[in-house]
Amino acid sequence: MRHLFNLLLRIRRRPVQVLSFLVMNSYFTQNVTKGLPCLGFNCYACPAAAFACPIGSLQHFAVIREIPFYVLGVLGLFGALWGRAACGWLCPFGLLQELMYKVPLPKWHLSARLGWLRYAFLVALVFAIPYFTLEPWFCKLCPQGTLEAGIPQILLHPELRPLIGWLFALKIVILLAFLVWMAVTSRPFCRWVCPLGAIWSPFNPLSAVRIEVDSETCIACDRCQQVCPVNIRIHENADAAECVRCLECVRVCPVDCIHIFLRHD
């Protein structure tokens, strides 16, 4: 098993993220795969989407007032195995945030003290408000949905353009605000808004695949924080809910004190 993890560390994340985006938007597999939830934030209404957005699916079940056993089972199974690793390796919106952060602008290094907000968004916009209003409000306001579905649908279908109103304008404003925020703060959507990340966050300290820091070897150089896309010190809390299991910290540690292992291995 340790050999498998060593192989994983040799795999570069960026090609995996790009491949994940292409698979989730493979278009030609829609007839077979569109009912399956993807392991990332990718809009179901995107013209090329080949899978269902799990957050959109959860809202659908909230609207029809049924328990989404299948969707929760898929998300729970992945979380139990890998924690929040899908956020770091598979999520297309996570990839977009990392690319936007490369824009040469002044950077804001914000703490994660308001990380509880993503749980509030999960409870309110994904479950409670859709349950009572019978409308999927997170999907209506989602910046990923605007980027992948709202704008392309307007461009591809001229007959929809006369229907553009205040809600679409609000969606564009939200998208632009997030794009600017992404350029100055590393992965802000993941850290403070994403309900999918909120579902997986509690699995980090419980998952089968774990990260461990040898406190006796660690020199507290903060190199891990410098490369961390969510700006955490993994040597202070290897089970941090914000951790997206990208393993960048493992790769750059100068004293090799950060290890990935299988529970009970």
C-alpha atoms as a PDB file:
ATOM      1  CA  MET A   1       0.000   0.000   0.000  1.00  0.00           C
ATOM      2  CA  ARG A   2       2.855   2.403   0.736  1.00  0.00           C
ATOM      3  CA  HIS A   3       4.166   1.750  -2.786  1.00  0.00           C
ATOM      4  CA  LEU A   4       0.766   2.859  -4.116  1.00  0.00           C
ATOM      5  CA  PHE A   5       0.974   6.120  -2.168  1.00  0.00           C
ATOM      6  CA  ASN A   6       4.517   6.715  -3.404  1.00  0.00           C
ATOM      7  CA  LEU A   7       3.201   6.319  -6.949  1.00  0.00           C
ATOM      8  CA  LEU A   8       0.396   8.775  -6.154  1.00  0.00           C
ATOM      9  CA  LEU A   9       2.936  11.371  -5.081  1.00  0.00           C
ATOM     10  CA  ARG A  10       4.635  11.108  -8.465  1.00  0.00           C
ATOM     11  CA  ILE A  11       1.392  11.925 -10.273  1.00  0.00           C
ATOM     12  CA  ARG A  12       0.976  15.598 -11.043  1.00  0.00           C
ATOM     13  CA  ARG A  13      -2.330  17.093  -9.970  1.00  0.00           C
ATOM     14  CA  ARG A  14      -2.911  19.492 -12.849  1.00  0.00           C
ATOM     15  CA  PRO A  15      -3.277  16.822 -15.579  1.00  0.00           C
ATOM     16  CA  VAL A  16      -5.626  14.875 -13.316  1.00  0.00           C
ATOM     17  CA  GLN A  17      -7.746  17.985 -12.739  1.00  0.00           C
ATOM     18  CA  VAL A  18      -7.906  18.724 -16.474  1.00  0.00           C
ATOM     19  CA  LEU A  19      -8.788  15.100 -17.258  1.00  0.00           C
ATOM     20  CA  SER A  20     -11.512  15.182 -14.596  1.00  0.00           C
ATOM     21  CA  PHE A  21     -13.020  18.296 -16.190  1.00  0.00           C
ATOM     22  CA  LEU A  22     -13.003  16.636 -19.625  1.00  0.00           C
ATOM     23  CA  VAL A  23     -14.590  13.453 -18.290  1.00  0.00           C
ATOM     24  CA  MET A  24     -17.307  15.364 -16.438  1.00  0.00           C
ATOM     25  CA  ASN A  25     -18.056  17.264 -19.657  1.00  0.00           C
ATOM     26  CA  SER A  26     -17.533  14.449 -22.154  1.00  0.00           C
ATOM     27  CA  TYR A  27     -20.954  15.116 -23.797  1.00  0.00           C
ATOM     28  CA  PHE A  28     -21.130  11.897 -25.849  1.00  0.00           C
ATOM     29  CA  THR A  29     -21.661   9.750 -22.731  1.00  0.00           C
ATOM     30  CA  GLN A  30     -24.665  11.789 -21.551  1.00  0.00           C
ATOM     31  CA  ASN A  31     -27.234   9.122 -22.419  1.00  0.00           C
ATOM     32  CA  VAL A  32     -25.445   6.636 -20.179  1.00  0.00           C
ATOM     33  CA  THR A  33     -23.899   8.703 -17.385  1.00  0.00           C
ATOM     34  CA  LYS A  34     -26.114  11.788 -16.895  1.00  0.00           C
ATOM     35  CA  GLY A  35     -27.891  10.186 -13.946  1.00  0.00           C
ATOM     36  CA  LEU A  36     -24.671   9.555 -12.029  1.00  0.00           C
ATOM     37  CA  PRO A  37     -23.397  12.163  -9.529  1.00  0.00           C
ATOM     38  CA  CYS A  38     -19.927  13.496 -10.300  1.00  0.00           C
ATOM     39  CA  LEU A  39     -17.269  13.910  -7.619  1.00  0.00           C
ATOM     40  CA  GLY A  40     -16.843  17.632  -8.090  1.00  0.00           C
ATOM     41  CA  PHE A  41     -18.624  20.916  -8.661  1.00  0.00           C
ATOM     42  CA  ASN A  42     -19.800  20.706 -12.276  1.00  0.00           C
ATOM     43  CA  CYS A  43     -23.151  22.028 -13.470  1.00  0.00           C
ATOM     44  CA  TYR A  44     -25.719  19.498 -14.708  1.00  0.00           C
ATOM     45  CA  ALA A  45     -27.155  22.105 -17.109  1.00  0.00           C
ATOM     46  CA  CYS A  46     -23.857  22.651 -18.919  1.00  0.00           C
ATOM     47  CA  PRO A  47     -24.460  21.644 -22.575  1.00  0.00           C
ATOM     48  CA  ALA A  48     -21.514  19.238 -22.426  1.00  0.00           C
ATOM     49  CA  ALA A  49     -22.089  17.868 -18.898  1.00  0.00           C
ATOM     50  CA  ALA A  50     -22.032  14.086 -18.750  1.00  0.00           C
ATOM     51  CA  PHE A  51     -22.859  13.690 -15.059  1.00  0.00           C
ATOM     52  CA  ALA A  52     -25.214  15.163 -12.466  1.00  0.00           C
ATOM     53  CA  CYS A  53     -24.045  17.780  -9.988  1.00  0.00           C
ATOM     54  CA  PRO A  54     -24.425  16.207  -6.519  1.00  0.00           C
ATOM     55  CA  ILE A  55     -25.513  19.523  -4.995  1.00  0.00           C
ATOM     56  CA  GLY A  56     -28.147  19.953  -7.695  1.00  0.00           C
ATOM     57  CA  SER A  57     -29.342  16.415  -6.990  1.00  0.00           C
ATOM     58  CA  LEU A  58     -29.571  17.069  -3.245  1.00  0.00           C
ATOM     59  CA  GLN A  59     -31.668  20.178  -3.916  1.00  0.00           C
ATOM     60  CA  HIS A  60     -33.952  18.213  -6.227  1.00  0.00           C
ATOM     61  CA  PHE A  61     -34.673  15.739  -3.447  1.00  0.00           C
ATOM     62  CA  ALA A  62     -35.192  18.594  -0.983  1.00  0.00           C
ATOM     63  CA  VAL A  63     -37.767  20.084  -3.356  1.00  0.00           C
ATOM     64  CA  ILE A  64     -39.653  16.794  -3.786  1.00  0.00           C
ATOM     65  CA  ARG A  65     -39.160  16.156  -0.042  1.00  0.00           C
ATOM     66  CA  GLU A  66     -37.506  12.778  -0.271  1.00  0.00           C
ATOM     67  CA  ILE A  67     -34.268  11.480   1.231  1.00  0.00           C
ATOM     68  CA  PRO A  68     -31.473  11.202  -1.399  1.00  0.00           C
ATOM     69  CA  PHE A  69     -30.053   7.892  -0.200  1.00  0.00           C
ATOM     70  CA  TYR A  70     -28.126   7.168  -3.390  1.00  0.00           C
ATOM     71  CA  VAL A  71     -26.434  10.573  -3.672  1.00  0.00           C
ATOM     72  CA  LEU A  72     -25.568  10.687   0.022  1.00  0.00           C
ATOM     73  CA  GLY A  73     -24.263   7.127  -0.234  1.00  0.00           C
ATOM     74  CA  VAL A  74     -21.906   7.988  -3.118  1.00  0.00           C
ATOM     75  CA  LEU A  75     -20.619  11.110  -1.362  1.00  0.00           C
ATOM     76  CA  GLY A  76     -20.305   9.314   1.963  1.00  0.00           C
ATOM     77  CA  LEU A  77     -18.418   6.385   0.451  1.00  0.00           C
ATOM     78  CA  PHE A  78     -15.844   8.626  -1.211  1.00  0.00           C
ATOM     79  CA  GLY A  79     -15.502  10.731   1.930  1.00  0.00           C
ATOM     80  CA  ALA A  80     -14.976   7.639   4.068  1.00  0.00           C
ATOM     81  CA  LEU A  81     -12.182   6.484   1.755  1.00  0.00           C
ATOM     82  CA  TRP A  82     -10.355   9.716   0.887  1.00  0.00           C
ATOM     83  CA  GLY A  83     -11.840  12.550   2.927  1.00  0.00           C
ATOM     84  CA  ARG A  84     -11.960  15.765   0.926  1.00  0.00           C
ATOM     85  CA  ALA A  85      -9.492  14.611  -1.741  1.00  0.00           C
ATOM     86  CA  ALA A  86     -11.976  15.111  -4.602  1.00  0.00           C
ATOM     87  CA  CYS A  87     -11.812  18.856  -3.915  1.00  0.00           C
ATOM     88  CA  GLY A  88      -8.082  18.851  -4.514  1.00  0.00           C
ATOM     89  CA  TRP A  89      -7.901  16.408  -7.417  1.00  0.00           C
ATOM     90  CA  LEU A  90     -11.192  16.183  -9.298  1.00  0.00           C
ATOM     91  CA  CYS A  91     -13.278  19.350  -8.897  1.00  0.00           C
ATOM     92  CA  PRO A  92     -13.407  21.577 -12.035  1.00  0.00           C
ATOM     93  CA  PHE A  93     -14.318  24.634  -9.974  1.00  0.00           C
ATOM     94  CA  GLY A  94     -11.326  24.007  -7.752  1.00  0.00           C
ATOM     95  CA  LEU A  95      -9.147  23.960 -10.869  1.00  0.00           C
ATOM     96  CA  LEU A  96     -10.627  27.267 -12.039  1.00  0.00           C
ATOM     97  CA  GLN A  97      -9.903  28.864  -8.664  1.00  0.00           C
ATOM     98  CA  GLU A  98      -6.275  27.740  -8.743  1.00  0.00           C
ATOM     99  CA  LEU A  99      -5.819  29.062 -12.277  1.00  0.00           C
ATOM    100  CA  MET A 100      -7.432  32.401 -11.402  1.00  0.00           C
ATOM    101  CA  TYR A 101      -5.102  32.749  -8.412  1.00  0.00           C
ATOM    102  CA  LYS A 102      -2.184  32.832 -10.844  1.00  0.00           C
ATOM    103  CA  VAL A 103      -3.389  36.203 -12.176  1.00  0.00           C
ATOM    104  CA  PRO A 104      -0.692  38.731 -11.146  1.00  0.00           C
ATOM    105  CA  LEU A 105      -2.660  40.773  -8.616  1.00  0.00           C
ATOM    106  CA  PRO A 106      -2.011  41.609  -4.938  1.00  0.00           C
ATOM    107  CA  LYS A 107      -2.990  38.637  -2.769  1.00  0.00           C
ATOM    108  CA  TRP A 108      -5.121  38.523   0.373  1.00  0.00           C
ATOM    109  CA  HIS A 109      -4.069  35.745   2.731  1.00  0.00           C
ATOM    110  CA  LEU A 110      -7.234  35.282   4.749  1.00  0.00           C
ATOM    111  CA  SER A 111      -7.613  32.936   7.693  1.00  0.00           C
ATOM    112  CA  ALA A 112     -10.149  30.120   7.725  1.00  0.00           C
ATOM    113  CA  ARG A 113     -11.953  31.331  10.836  1.00  0.00           C
ATOM    114  CA  LEU A 114     -15.227  31.747   8.929  1.00  0.00           C
ATOM    115  CA  GLY A 115     -15.060  28.257   7.440  1.00  0.00           C
ATOM    116  CA  TRP A 116     -18.328  27.437   9.225  1.00  0.00           C
ATOM    117  CA  LEU A 117     -20.106  29.518   6.560  1.00  0.00           C
ATOM    118  CA  ARG A 118     -19.974  26.650   4.071  1.00  0.00           C
ATOM    119  CA  TYR A 119     -22.040  24.559   6.498  1.00  0.00           C
ATOM    120  CA  ALA A 120     -24.557  27.398   6.705  1.00  0.00           C
ATOM    121  CA  PHE A 121     -24.808  27.482   2.901  1.00  0.00           C
ATOM    122  CA  LEU A 122     -25.261  23.699   2.868  1.00  0.00           C
ATOM    123  CA  VAL A 123     -28.081  23.727   5.401  1.00  0.00           C
ATOM    124  CA  ALA A 124     -29.829  26.880   4.195  1.00  0.00           C
ATOM    125  CA  LEU A 125     -29.455  27.001   0.405  1.00  0.00           C
ATOM    126  CA  VAL A 126     -29.213  23.289  -0.359  1.00  0.00           C
ATOM    127  CA  PHE A 127     -31.741  21.822   2.079  1.00  0.00           C
ATOM    128  CA  ALA A 128     -33.905  24.260   4.052  1.00  0.00           C
ATOM    129  CA  ILE A 129     -34.796  26.991   1.535  1.00  0.00           C
ATOM    130  CA  PRO A 130     -35.434  24.558  -1.380  1.00  0.00           C
ATOM    131  CA  TYR A 131     -37.546  22.415   0.966  1.00  0.00           C
ATOM    132  CA  PHE A 132     -39.843  25.320   1.859  1.00  0.00           C
ATOM    133  CA  THR A 133     -39.809  27.295  -1.411  1.00  0.00           C
ATOM    134  CA  LEU A 134     -39.746  24.309  -3.771  1.00  0.00           C
ATOM    135  CA  GLU A 135     -36.993  26.061  -5.755  1.00  0.00           C
ATOM    136  CA  PRO A 136     -33.295  25.024  -6.047  1.00  0.00           C
ATOM    137  CA  TRP A 137     -31.882  28.361  -4.918  1.00  0.00           C
ATOM    138  CA  PHE A 138     -28.250  27.332  -4.705  1.00  0.00           C
ATOM    139  CA  CYS A 139     -28.379  26.293  -8.370  1.00  0.00           C
ATOM    140  CA  LYS A 140     -30.077  29.568  -9.264  1.00  0.00           C
ATOM    141  CA  LEU A 141     -27.201  31.576  -7.751  1.00  0.00           C
ATOM    142  CA  CYS A 142     -24.264  29.190  -8.256  1.00  0.00           C
ATOM    143  CA  PRO A 143     -21.322  30.897 -10.047  1.00  0.00           C
ATOM    144  CA  GLN A 144     -20.234  27.591 -11.577  1.00  0.00           C
ATOM    145  CA  GLY A 145     -23.735  27.146 -12.986  1.00  0.00           C
ATOM    146  CA  THR A 146     -23.645  30.629 -14.494  1.00  0.00           C
ATOM    147  CA  LEU A 147     -20.252  29.995 -16.075  1.00  0.00           C
ATOM    148  CA  GLU A 148     -20.913  26.479 -17.387  1.00  0.00           C
ATOM    149  CA  ALA A 149     -24.639  26.629 -18.118  1.00  0.00           C
ATOM    150  CA  GLY A 150     -26.189  30.102 -17.915  1.00  0.00           C
ATOM    151  CA  ILE A 151     -23.823  31.897 -20.288  1.00  0.00           C
ATOM    152  CA  PRO A 152     -23.427  28.997 -22.796  1.00  0.00           C
ATOM    153  CA  GLN A 153     -27.193  28.423 -22.939  1.00  0.00           C
ATOM    154  CA  ILE A 154     -27.788  32.114 -23.728  1.00  0.00           C
ATOM    155  CA  LEU A 155     -25.109  32.035 -26.415  1.00  0.00           C
ATOM    156  CA  LEU A 156     -26.389  28.797 -27.971  1.00  0.00           C
ATOM    157  CA  HIS A 157     -30.118  29.584 -27.819  1.00  0.00           C
ATOM    158  CA  PRO A 158     -31.029  33.104 -29.057  1.00  0.00           C
ATOM    159  CA  GLU A 159     -34.694  32.477 -28.190  1.00  0.00           C
ATOM    160  CA  LEU A 160     -33.734  32.592 -24.485  1.00  0.00           C
ATOM    161  CA  ARG A 161     -32.226  36.082 -24.656  1.00  0.00           C
ATOM    162  CA  PRO A 162     -35.529  37.988 -24.381  1.00  0.00           C
ATOM    163  CA  LEU A 163     -36.137  36.130 -21.117  1.00  0.00           C
ATOM    164  CA  ILE A 164     -33.038  37.585 -19.456  1.00  0.00           C
ATOM    165  CA  GLY A 165     -34.051  39.470 -16.322  1.00  0.00           C
ATOM    166  CA  TRP A 166     -32.809  40.604 -12.936  1.00  0.00           C
ATOM    167  CA  LEU A 167     -31.960  37.078 -11.770  1.00  0.00           C
ATOM    168  CA  PHE A 168     -29.548  36.475 -14.639  1.00  0.00           C
ATOM    169  CA  ALA A 169     -27.971  39.882 -14.006  1.00  0.00           C
ATOM    170  CA  LEU A 170     -27.542  38.952 -10.351  1.00  0.00           C
ATOM    171  CA  LYS A 171     -25.947  35.646 -11.367  1.00  0.00           C
ATOM    172  CA  ILE A 172     -23.432  37.490 -13.568  1.00  0.00           C
ATOM    173  CA  VAL A 173     -22.570  39.862 -10.723  1.00  0.00           C
ATOM    174  CA  ILE A 174     -22.017  36.924  -8.349  1.00  0.00           C
ATOM    175  CA  LEU A 175     -19.823  35.163 -10.913  1.00  0.00           C
ATOM    176  CA  LEU A 176     -17.710  38.265 -11.550  1.00  0.00           C
ATOM    177  CA  ALA A 177     -17.335  38.872  -7.810  1.00  0.00           C
ATOM    178  CA  PHE A 178     -16.069  35.335  -7.306  1.00  0.00           C
ATOM    179  CA  LEU A 179     -13.683  35.542 -10.263  1.00  0.00           C
ATOM    180  CA  VAL A 180     -12.110  38.668  -8.781  1.00  0.00           C
ATOM    181  CA  TRP A 181     -12.011  37.069  -5.331  1.00  0.00           C
ATOM    182  CA  MET A 182     -10.360  33.955  -6.784  1.00  0.00           C
ATOM    183  CA  ALA A 183      -7.639  36.125  -8.318  1.00  0.00           C
ATOM    184  CA  VAL A 184      -6.682  37.653  -4.967  1.00  0.00           C
ATOM    185  CA  THR A 185      -7.494  34.855  -2.485  1.00  0.00           C
ATOM    186  CA  SER A 186      -6.642  31.190  -2.881  1.00  0.00           C
ATOM    187  CA  ARG A 187      -9.733  28.979  -3.355  1.00  0.00           C
ATOM    188  CA  PRO A 188     -12.269  31.248  -1.588  1.00  0.00           C
ATOM    189  CA  PHE A 189     -15.300  29.300  -2.807  1.00  0.00           C
ATOM    190  CA  CYS A 190     -13.888  26.041  -1.403  1.00  0.00           C
ATOM    191  CA  ARG A 191     -13.040  27.575   1.933  1.00  0.00           C
ATOM    192  CA  TRP A 192     -16.168  29.574   2.738  1.00  0.00           C
ATOM    193  CA  VAL A 193     -19.026  28.695   0.387  1.00  0.00           C
ATOM    194  CA  CYS A 194     -18.901  25.210  -1.165  1.00  0.00           C
ATOM    195  CA  PRO A 195     -21.610  22.893   0.239  1.00  0.00           C
ATOM    196  CA  LEU A 196     -19.943  19.873  -1.363  1.00  0.00           C
ATOM    197  CA  GLY A 197     -16.786  20.656   0.579  1.00  0.00           C
ATOM    198  CA  ALA A 198     -18.934  21.020   3.689  1.00  0.00           C
ATOM    199  CA  ILE A 199     -20.229  17.471   3.205  1.00  0.00           C
ATOM    200  CA  TRP A 200     -16.741  16.015   2.849  1.00  0.00           C
ATOM    201  CA  SER A 201     -14.941  18.142   5.477  1.00  0.00           C
ATOM    202  CA  PRO A 202     -16.030  16.052   8.508  1.00  0.00           C
ATOM    203  CA  PHE A 203     -14.592  12.936   6.846  1.00  0.00           C
ATOM    204  CA  ASN A 204     -10.985  14.201   6.919  1.00  0.00           C
ATOM    205  CA  PRO A 205     -10.220  12.901  10.428  1.00  0.00           C
ATOM    206  CA  LEU A 206     -12.222   9.704   9.800  1.00  0.00           C
ATOM    207  CA  SER A 207     -11.217   8.615   6.304  1.00  0.00           C
ATOM    208  CA  ALA A 208      -9.296   5.448   5.500  1.00  0.00           C
ATOM    209  CA  VAL A 209      -6.530   7.403   3.766  1.00  0.00           C
ATOM    210  CA  ARG A 210      -4.912   9.765   6.243  1.00  0.00           C
ATOM    211  CA  ILE A 211      -2.193  12.396   6.482  1.00  0.00           C
ATOM    212  CA  GLU A 212       0.166  12.308   9.443  1.00  0.00           C
ATOM    213  CA  VAL A 213       2.897  14.725  10.544  1.00  0.00           C
ATOM    214  CA  ASP A 214       5.913  13.556  12.546  1.00  0.00           C
ATOM    215  CA  SER A 215       6.084  16.330  15.151  1.00  0.00           C
ATOM    216  CA  GLU A 216       9.574  15.286  16.258  1.00  0.00           C
ATOM    217  CA  THR A 217      10.980  15.742  12.751  1.00  0.00           C
ATOM    218  CA  CYS A 218       8.966  18.824  11.729  1.00  0.00           C
ATOM    219  CA  ILE A 219      10.975  22.066  11.794  1.00  0.00           C
ATOM    220  CA  ALA A 220       7.902  24.329  11.488  1.00  0.00           C
ATOM    221  CA  CYS A 221       9.305  26.022   8.365  1.00  0.00           C
ATOM    222  CA  ASP A 222       5.767  26.760   7.088  1.00  0.00           C
ATOM    223  CA  ARG A 223       6.722  25.533   3.611  1.00  0.00           C
ATOM    224  CA  CYS A 224       3.521  23.482   3.722  1.00  0.00           C
ATOM    225  CA  GLN A 225       1.403  26.597   4.219  1.00  0.00           C
ATOM    226  CA  GLN A 226       3.171  28.418   1.402  1.00  0.00           C
ATOM    227  CA  VAL A 227       2.063  25.811  -1.163  1.00  0.00           C
ATOM    228  CA  CYS A 228      -1.302  24.969   0.409  1.00  0.00           C
ATOM    229  CA  PRO A 229      -4.234  26.075  -1.820  1.00  0.00           C
ATOM    230  CA  VAL A 230      -6.390  26.634   1.281  1.00  0.00           C
ATOM    231  CA  ASN A 231      -3.656  28.317   3.353  1.00  0.00           C
ATOM    232  CA  ILE A 232      -3.417  25.935   6.321  1.00  0.00           C
ATOM    233  CA  ARG A 233      -0.487  24.708   8.404  1.00  0.00           C
ATOM    234  CA  ILE A 234      -0.849  20.976   8.019  1.00  0.00           C
ATOM    235  CA  HIS A 235       1.757  20.387  10.738  1.00  0.00           C
ATOM    236  CA  GLU A 236      -0.585  22.035  13.260  1.00  0.00           C
ATOM    237  CA  ASN A 237      -3.657  19.991  12.301  1.00  0.00           C
ATOM    238  CA  ALA A 238      -3.313  17.177   9.775  1.00  0.00           C
ATOM    239  CA  ASP A 239      -7.076  16.550  10.014  1.00  0.00           C
ATOM    240  CA  ALA A 240      -8.120  20.135   9.248  1.00  0.00           C
ATOM    241  CA  ALA A 241     -11.586  20.350   7.695  1.00  0.00           C
ATOM    242  CA  GLU A 242     -10.268  22.839   5.121  1.00  0.00           C
ATOM    243  CA  CYS A 243      -7.620  20.408   3.806  1.00  0.00           C
ATOM    244  CA  VAL A 244      -8.372  19.299   0.226  1.00  0.00           C
ATOM    245  CA  ARG A 245      -5.816  16.459   0.344  1.00  0.00           C
ATOM    246  CA  CYS A 246      -3.881  17.842  -2.626  1.00  0.00           C
ATOM    247  CA  LEU A 247      -0.618  16.473  -1.124  1.00  0.00           C
ATOM    248  CA  GLU A 248       1.401  19.511  -2.197  1.00  0.00           C
ATOM    249  CA  CYS A 249       2.650  19.770   1.384  1.00  0.00           C
ATOM    250  CA  VAL A 250       3.955  16.203   1.252  1.00  0.00           C
ATOM    251  CA  ARG A 251       5.891  16.943  -1.925  1.00  0.00           C
ATOM    252  CA  VAL A 252       7.630  20.079  -0.677  1.00  0.00           C
ATOM    253  CA  CYS A 253       8.383  19.166   2.940  1.00  0.00           C
ATOM    254  CA  PRO A 254      12.187  19.600   3.287  1.00  0.00           C
ATOM    255  CA  VAL A 255      12.485  17.012   6.067  1.00  0.00           C
ATOM    256  CA  ASP A 256       9.895  14.476   4.802  1.00  0.00           C
ATOM    257  CA  CYS A 257       7.867  14.635   7.997  1.00  0.00           C
ATOM    258  CA  ILE A 258       4.421  14.588   6.321  1.00  0.00           C
ATOM    259  CA  HIS A 259       3.196  11.117   5.400  1.00  0.00           C
ATOM    260  CA  ILE A 260       0.156   9.672   3.688  1.00  0.00           C
ATOM    261  CA  PHE A 261      -0.964   6.298   4.974  1.00  0.00           C
ATOM    262  CA  LEU A 262      -3.882   3.911   5.178  1.00  0.00           C
ATOM    263  CA  ARG A 263      -5.618   3.658   8.524  1.00  0.00           C
ATOM    264  CA  HIS A 264      -4.536   0.481  10.357  1.00  0.00           C
ATOM    265  CA  ASP A 265      -1.796   0.005   7.729  1.00  0.00           C
END
